[in-house]
Amino acid sequence: MRMMQKDGGAFEVHEHIITKNMWEFYMLGEPNEDNVAFALVCGEEDELGFVSLDEITPFILLRTKDMEGIAPAPGYSWLDN
C-alpha cells in the first residue's frame, strides 16, 4: 500500500491494475464481498468510482500490489517521495 496525493487530498493505493486497453486502475480499497472496490480509473477520462473486479478480470494485462516502480496517476504524486 502506498499513499498518493493531489491538491491536499490523499488516497491509500492498495493495488495497481492495467487492462488491455491501457486503462489504469489505482485500487483505493480492498474488494468487498461482491468483489467490488473503490478506485481511481485513468482511461478516456479520469474518475473515482466503484469497479467490479469480476468485470475487468478477463481484460487485465498487469496487476500488482507492489507500488515500487509504479508511476502515480496523472496529476498526483506519491507522499513518500
C-alpha atoms as a PDB file:
ATOM      1  CA  MET A   1       0.000   0.000   0.000  1.00  0.00           C
ATOM      2  CA  ARG A   2       1.247   3.489  -0.842  1.00  0.00           C
ATOM      3  CA  MET A   3      -0.198   6.967  -0.302  1.00  0.00           C
ATOM      4  CA  MET A   4      -0.967   9.097  -3.374  1.00  0.00           C
ATOM      5  CA  GLN A   5      -1.938  12.774  -3.130  1.00  0.00           C
ATOM      6  CA  LYS A   6      -3.399  15.603  -5.178  1.00  0.00           C
ATOM      7  CA  ASP A   7      -4.417  19.085  -4.061  1.00  0.00           C
ATOM      8  CA  GLY A   8      -4.161  18.241  -0.367  1.00  0.00           C
ATOM      9  CA  GLY A   9      -6.270  15.085  -0.622  1.00  0.00           C
ATOM     10  CA  ALA A  10      -4.621  11.704  -0.122  1.00  0.00           C
ATOM     11  CA  PHE A  11      -5.579   8.134  -1.015  1.00  0.00           C
ATOM     12  CA  GLU A  12      -4.161   4.764   0.025  1.00  0.00           C
ATOM     13  CA  VAL A  13      -3.436   2.779  -3.128  1.00  0.00           C
ATOM     14  CA  HIS A  14      -3.786  -0.961  -2.401  1.00  0.00           C
ATOM     15  CA  GLU A  15      -3.262  -2.307  -5.908  1.00  0.00           C
ATOM     16  CA  HIS A  16      -2.457  -1.153  -9.439  1.00  0.00           C
ATOM     17  CA  ILE A  17      -4.082  -2.754 -12.485  1.00  0.00           C
ATOM     18  CA  ILE A  18      -3.578  -2.108 -16.199  1.00  0.00           C
ATOM     19  CA  THR A  19      -6.120  -3.533 -18.621  1.00  0.00           C
ATOM     20  CA  LYS A  20      -5.557  -4.488 -22.261  1.00  0.00           C
ATOM     21  CA  ASN A  21      -6.959  -1.132 -23.427  1.00  0.00           C
ATOM     22  CA  MET A  22      -4.208   0.513 -21.292  1.00  0.00           C
ATOM     23  CA  TRP A  23      -6.599   1.931 -18.716  1.00  0.00           C
ATOM     24  CA  GLU A  24      -5.057   2.146 -15.254  1.00  0.00           C
ATOM     25  CA  PHE A  25      -6.905   1.300 -12.058  1.00  0.00           C
ATOM     26  CA  TYR A  26      -5.494   2.600  -8.777  1.00  0.00           C
ATOM     27  CA  MET A  27      -7.438   0.481  -6.305  1.00  0.00           C
ATOM     28  CA  LEU A  28      -8.156   2.609  -3.232  1.00  0.00           C
ATOM     29  CA  GLY A  29      -9.557  -0.174  -1.098  1.00  0.00           C
ATOM     30  CA  GLU A  30      -9.848  -3.909  -0.840  1.00  0.00           C
ATOM     31  CA  PRO A  31     -12.740  -5.550  -2.708  1.00  0.00           C
ATOM     32  CA  ASN A  32     -15.937  -6.196  -0.753  1.00  0.00           C
ATOM     33  CA  GLU A  33     -17.845  -9.483  -0.654  1.00  0.00           C
ATOM     34  CA  ASP A  34     -19.195  -8.765  -4.166  1.00  0.00           C
ATOM     35  CA  ASN A  35     -15.618  -8.280  -5.492  1.00  0.00           C
ATOM     36  CA  VAL A  36     -16.211  -4.537  -5.967  1.00  0.00           C
ATOM     37  CA  ALA A  37     -13.688  -1.911  -4.859  1.00  0.00           C
ATOM     38  CA  PHE A  38     -13.349   1.864  -4.967  1.00  0.00           C
ATOM     39  CA  ALA A  39     -10.742   3.069  -7.467  1.00  0.00           C
ATOM     40  CA  LEU A  40      -9.267   5.944  -9.391  1.00  0.00           C
ATOM     41  CA  VAL A  41      -9.669   4.941 -13.036  1.00  0.00           C
ATOM     42  CA  CYS A  42      -7.469   6.608 -15.654  1.00  0.00           C
ATOM     43  CA  GLY A  43      -8.816   5.944 -19.134  1.00  0.00           C
ATOM     44  CA  GLU A  44     -10.573   8.207 -21.614  1.00  0.00           C
ATOM     45  CA  GLU A  45     -11.412  10.330 -18.563  1.00  0.00           C
ATOM     46  CA  ASP A  46     -10.033  10.106 -15.031  1.00  0.00           C
ATOM     47  CA  GLU A  47     -12.672   9.381 -12.439  1.00  0.00           C
ATOM     48  CA  LEU A  48     -13.264   7.961  -8.987  1.00  0.00           C
ATOM     49  CA  GLY A  49     -15.804   5.193  -8.677  1.00  0.00           C
ATOM     50  CA  PHE A  50     -16.602   1.606  -7.876  1.00  0.00           C
ATOM     51  CA  VAL A  51     -15.103  -1.121 -10.055  1.00  0.00           C
ATOM     52  CA  SER A  52     -16.250  -4.715 -10.368  1.00  0.00           C
ATOM     53  CA  LEU A  53     -13.142  -6.881 -10.464  1.00  0.00           C
ATOM     54  CA  ASP A  54     -15.258  -9.690 -11.921  1.00  0.00           C
ATOM     55  CA  GLU A  55     -15.981  -7.482 -14.956  1.00  0.00           C
ATOM     56  CA  ILE A  56     -12.399  -6.343 -15.603  1.00  0.00           C
ATOM     57  CA  THR A  57     -10.529  -9.570 -14.749  1.00  0.00           C
ATOM     58  CA  PRO A  58     -10.700 -11.005 -18.308  1.00  0.00           C
ATOM     59  CA  PHE A  59      -9.046  -7.812 -19.580  1.00  0.00           C
ATOM     60  CA  ILE A  60      -6.233  -7.465 -17.026  1.00  0.00           C
ATOM     61  CA  LEU A  61      -2.778  -7.193 -18.583  1.00  0.00           C
ATOM     62  CA  LEU A  62      -0.752  -6.346 -15.454  1.00  0.00           C
ATOM     63  CA  ARG A  63      -1.658  -6.435 -11.777  1.00  0.00           C
ATOM     64  CA  THR A  64       0.471  -5.691  -8.710  1.00  0.00           C
ATOM     65  CA  LYS A  65       0.296  -4.718  -5.065  1.00  0.00           C
ATOM     66  CA  ASP A  66       3.977  -3.721  -5.137  1.00  0.00           C
ATOM     67  CA  MET A  67       3.848   0.028  -5.764  1.00  0.00           C
ATOM     68  CA  GLU A  68       7.630   0.438  -6.159  1.00  0.00           C
ATOM     69  CA  GLY A  69       8.330   1.473  -9.734  1.00  0.00           C
ATOM     70  CA  ILE A  70       4.670   2.339 -10.411  1.00  0.00           C
ATOM     71  CA  ALA A  71       4.106   5.931 -11.515  1.00  0.00           C
ATOM     72  CA  PRO A  72       1.392   7.867  -9.698  1.00  0.00           C
ATOM     73  CA  ALA A  73      -1.766   8.759 -11.576  1.00  0.00           C
ATOM     74  CA  PRO A  74      -1.510  11.857 -13.802  1.00  0.00           C
ATOM     75  CA  GLY A  75      -1.639  14.983 -11.628  1.00  0.00           C
ATOM     76  CA  TYR A  76      -0.917  13.001  -8.446  1.00  0.00           C
ATOM     77  CA  SER A  77       2.293  12.313  -6.521  1.00  0.00           C
ATOM     78  CA  TRP A  78       3.377   9.716  -4.008  1.00  0.00           C
ATOM     79  CA  LEU A  79       3.507  11.050  -0.441  1.00  0.00           C
ATOM     80  CA  ASP A  80       6.754   9.251   0.329  1.00  0.00           C
ATOM     81  CA  ASN A  81       8.736  10.940  -2.490  1.00  0.00           C
END
